[in-house]
Structure formats: structure tokens, C-alpha cells
């Protein structure tokens, strides 16, 4: 472990829950930002997503 000595300063019983909580809060914040700042995510999650247009691949030369 690169930063193994951190556990000499911070007890694992305190540090591990803090890391897990930070990841959970960051993930929740990203999901809230996606839902509030886009229109297609709400529609997708509600099952009202538009049909995807299928396009032909570009012709190679």
C-alpha cells in the first residue's frame, strides 16, 4: 500500500467509514446533478426515452 503509514495517524475504525461515506456522498451528488441538470435522464428513468436513431457507418475510402 502506497499510503500505509496514514493508519499510524488515523485509526482504521475512523478512516475507513469516512472514506466509504465520502464515496457515497460524492456518488449521490453526481446522480443528483445529472437528474437536475439534464432532461433526458429523467425521461430515461421514467421509461419515456426517445427512440434512438440508427445511422449507417461512414463509408471507408
N, C-alpha and C. Protein backbone atom coordinates (compact mmCIF):
# COMPACT_ATOMS: atom_id res chain seq x y z
N UNK A 1 0.85 -1.17 0.00
CA UNK A 1 0.00 0.00 0.00
C UNK A 1 0.90 1.24 0.00
N UNK A 2 0.61 2.17 -0.87
CA UNK A 2 1.44 3.35 -1.00
C UNK A 2 1.37 4.23 0.24
N UNK A 3 0.16 4.47 0.72
CA UNK A 3 -0.03 5.36 1.86
C UNK A 3 -0.39 4.58 3.11
N UNK A 4 0.30 3.50 3.36
CA UNK A 4 0.02 2.66 4.50
C UNK A 4 0.28 3.32 5.84
N UNK A 5 1.18 4.30 5.87
CA UNK A 5 1.50 4.96 7.13
C UNK A 5 0.41 5.90 7.61
N UNK A 6 -0.59 6.18 6.78
CA UNK A 6 -1.69 7.05 7.21
C UNK A 6 -2.41 6.43 8.39
N UNK A 7 -2.41 5.09 8.47
CA UNK A 7 -3.12 4.43 9.55
C UNK A 7 -2.37 4.53 10.88
N UNK A 8 -1.16 5.08 10.86
CA UNK A 8 -0.46 5.39 12.11
C UNK A 8 -0.99 6.69 12.71
N UNK A 9 -1.59 7.53 11.87
CA UNK A 9 -2.12 8.82 12.31
C UNK A 9 -3.63 8.73 12.53
N UNK A 10 -4.34 8.07 11.60
CA UNK A 10 -5.80 7.95 11.67
C UNK A 10 -6.14 6.49 11.94
N UNK A 11 -6.97 6.25 12.94
CA UNK A 11 -7.38 4.88 13.26
C UNK A 11 -8.23 4.33 12.11
N UNK A 12 -8.03 3.07 11.72
CA UNK A 12 -8.86 2.49 10.67
C UNK A 12 -10.35 2.48 11.03
N UNK A 13 -10.67 2.41 12.31
CA UNK A 13 -12.08 2.42 12.70
C UNK A 13 -12.72 3.78 12.44
N UNK A 14 -11.93 4.81 12.24
CA UNK A 14 -12.44 6.14 11.91
C UNK A 14 -12.26 6.41 10.42
N UNK A 15 -11.10 6.06 9.87
CA UNK A 15 -10.76 6.39 8.50
C UNK A 15 -11.56 5.63 7.46
N UNK A 16 -11.76 4.35 7.66
CA UNK A 16 -12.49 3.54 6.68
C UNK A 16 -13.94 4.01 6.54
N UNK A 17 -14.68 4.22 7.63
CA UNK A 17 -16.04 4.75 7.46
C UNK A 17 -16.08 6.14 6.82
N UNK A 18 -15.07 6.96 7.10
CA UNK A 18 -15.02 8.28 6.48
C UNK A 18 -14.82 8.17 4.97
N UNK A 19 -13.95 7.26 4.54
CA UNK A 19 -13.71 7.07 3.11
C UNK A 19 -14.98 6.54 2.43
N UNK A 20 -15.62 5.56 3.05
CA UNK A 20 -16.85 5.00 2.47
C UNK A 20 -17.94 6.06 2.41
N UNK A 21 -18.08 6.86 3.45
CA UNK A 21 -19.08 7.92 3.47
C UNK A 21 -18.79 8.97 2.40
N UNK A 22 -17.52 9.32 2.22
CA UNK A 22 -17.15 10.31 1.20
C UNK A 22 -17.48 9.81 -0.20
N UNK A 23 -17.23 8.55 -0.47
CA UNK A 23 -17.55 7.98 -1.78
C UNK A 23 -19.06 7.96 -1.99
N UNK A 24 -19.81 7.59 -0.97
CA UNK A 24 -21.27 7.55 -1.09
C UNK A 24 -21.85 8.95 -1.31
N UNK A 25 -21.36 9.94 -0.60
CA UNK A 25 -21.84 11.31 -0.75
C UNK A 25 -21.49 11.85 -2.13
N UNK A 26 -20.28 11.59 -2.60
CA UNK A 26 -19.88 12.05 -3.93
C UNK A 26 -20.72 11.40 -5.01
N UNK A 27 -20.98 10.12 -4.89
CA UNK A 27 -21.81 9.41 -5.87
C UNK A 27 -23.23 9.98 -5.87
N UNK A 28 -23.79 10.21 -4.71
CA UNK A 28 -25.13 10.78 -4.62
C UNK A 28 -25.18 12.17 -5.25
N UNK A 29 -24.14 12.97 -5.00
CA UNK A 29 -24.09 14.32 -5.56
C UNK A 29 -24.03 14.30 -7.09
N UNK A 30 -23.27 13.36 -7.64
CA UNK A 30 -23.19 13.24 -9.10
C UNK A 30 -24.54 12.84 -9.68
N UNK A 31 -25.21 11.90 -9.05
CA UNK A 31 -26.52 11.46 -9.54
C UNK A 31 -27.56 12.58 -9.44
N UNK A 32 -27.55 13.32 -8.37
CA UNK A 32 -28.48 14.44 -8.23
C UNK A 32 -28.20 15.50 -9.29
N UNK A 33 -26.93 15.77 -9.55
CA UNK A 33 -26.58 16.76 -10.58
C UNK A 33 -27.04 16.30 -11.95
N UNK A 34 -26.91 15.02 -12.26
CA UNK A 34 -27.36 14.51 -13.55
C UNK A 34 -28.87 14.62 -13.70
N UNK A 35 -29.59 14.28 -12.67
CA UNK A 35 -31.05 14.31 -12.75
C UNK A 35 -31.58 15.74 -12.83
N UNK A 36 -30.96 16.66 -12.11
CA UNK A 36 -31.47 18.03 -12.09
C UNK A 36 -31.01 18.86 -13.28
N UNK A 37 -29.90 18.53 -13.91
CA UNK A 37 -29.37 19.37 -14.98
C UNK A 37 -29.59 18.82 -16.38
N UNK A 38 -30.20 17.68 -16.52
CA UNK A 38 -30.49 17.13 -17.83
C UNK A 38 -31.96 16.79 -17.93
N UNK A 39 -32.45 16.75 -19.15
CA UNK A 39 -33.85 16.38 -19.35
C UNK A 39 -33.97 14.92 -19.75
N UNK A 40 -32.97 14.38 -20.41
CA UNK A 40 -33.09 13.02 -20.93
C UNK A 40 -32.95 11.97 -19.84
N UNK A 41 -32.25 12.26 -18.75
CA UNK A 41 -32.09 11.26 -17.69
C UNK A 41 -33.43 11.00 -17.02
N UNK A 42 -34.16 12.05 -16.72
CA UNK A 42 -35.48 11.87 -16.10
C UNK A 42 -36.39 11.05 -17.01
N UNK A 43 -36.38 11.39 -18.31
CA UNK A 43 -37.22 10.65 -19.25
C UNK A 43 -36.78 9.20 -19.35
N UNK A 44 -35.49 8.96 -19.35
CA UNK A 44 -34.97 7.59 -19.43
C UNK A 44 -35.36 6.77 -18.21
N UNK A 45 -35.23 7.36 -17.03
CA UNK A 45 -35.55 6.64 -15.81
C UNK A 45 -37.05 6.40 -15.67
N UNK A 46 -37.86 7.25 -16.27
CA UNK A 46 -39.31 7.06 -16.24
C UNK A 46 -39.81 6.18 -17.37
N UNK A 47 -38.94 5.73 -18.24
CA UNK A 47 -39.32 4.86 -19.34
C UNK A 47 -39.87 5.60 -20.54
N UNK A 48 -39.62 6.90 -20.62
CA UNK A 48 -40.13 7.70 -21.72
C UNK A 48 -39.01 8.15 -22.65
N UNK A 49 -37.97 7.39 -22.75
CA UNK A 49 -36.85 7.78 -23.59
C UNK A 49 -37.26 7.75 -25.06
N UNK A 50 -36.72 8.71 -25.80
CA UNK A 50 -36.99 8.76 -27.23
C UNK A 50 -36.33 7.56 -27.92
N UNK A 51 -36.85 7.25 -29.08
CA UNK A 51 -36.25 6.17 -29.85
C UNK A 51 -34.90 6.63 -30.38
N UNK A 52 -33.94 5.74 -30.36
CA UNK A 52 -32.59 6.07 -30.83
C UNK A 52 -32.57 5.94 -32.34
N UNK A 53 -32.07 6.96 -33.00
CA UNK A 53 -31.95 6.91 -34.47
C UNK A 53 -30.70 6.11 -34.83
N UNK A 54 -30.89 5.10 -35.66
CA UNK A 54 -29.76 4.28 -36.10
C UNK A 54 -29.22 4.88 -37.38
N UNK A 55 -27.93 5.16 -37.39
CA UNK A 55 -27.30 5.72 -38.57
C UNK A 55 -26.35 4.71 -39.18
N UNK A 56 -26.17 4.84 -40.47
CA UNK A 56 -25.25 3.95 -41.18
C UNK A 56 -23.82 4.36 -40.88
N UNK A 57 -22.91 3.41 -40.79
CA UNK A 57 -21.50 3.77 -40.54
C UNK A 57 -20.94 4.53 -41.73
N UNK A 58 -19.97 5.36 -41.46
CA UNK A 58 -19.34 6.17 -42.50
C UNK A 58 -18.66 5.24 -43.52
N UNK A 59 -18.77 5.61 -44.77
CA UNK A 59 -18.15 4.81 -45.82
C UNK A 59 -16.64 4.98 -45.78
N UNK A 60 -15.93 3.88 -45.81
CA UNK A 60 -14.46 3.97 -45.80
C UNK A 60 -13.96 4.16 -47.21
N UNK A 61 -12.87 4.87 -47.35
CA UNK A 61 -12.31 5.16 -48.68
C UNK A 61 -11.23 4.18 -49.04
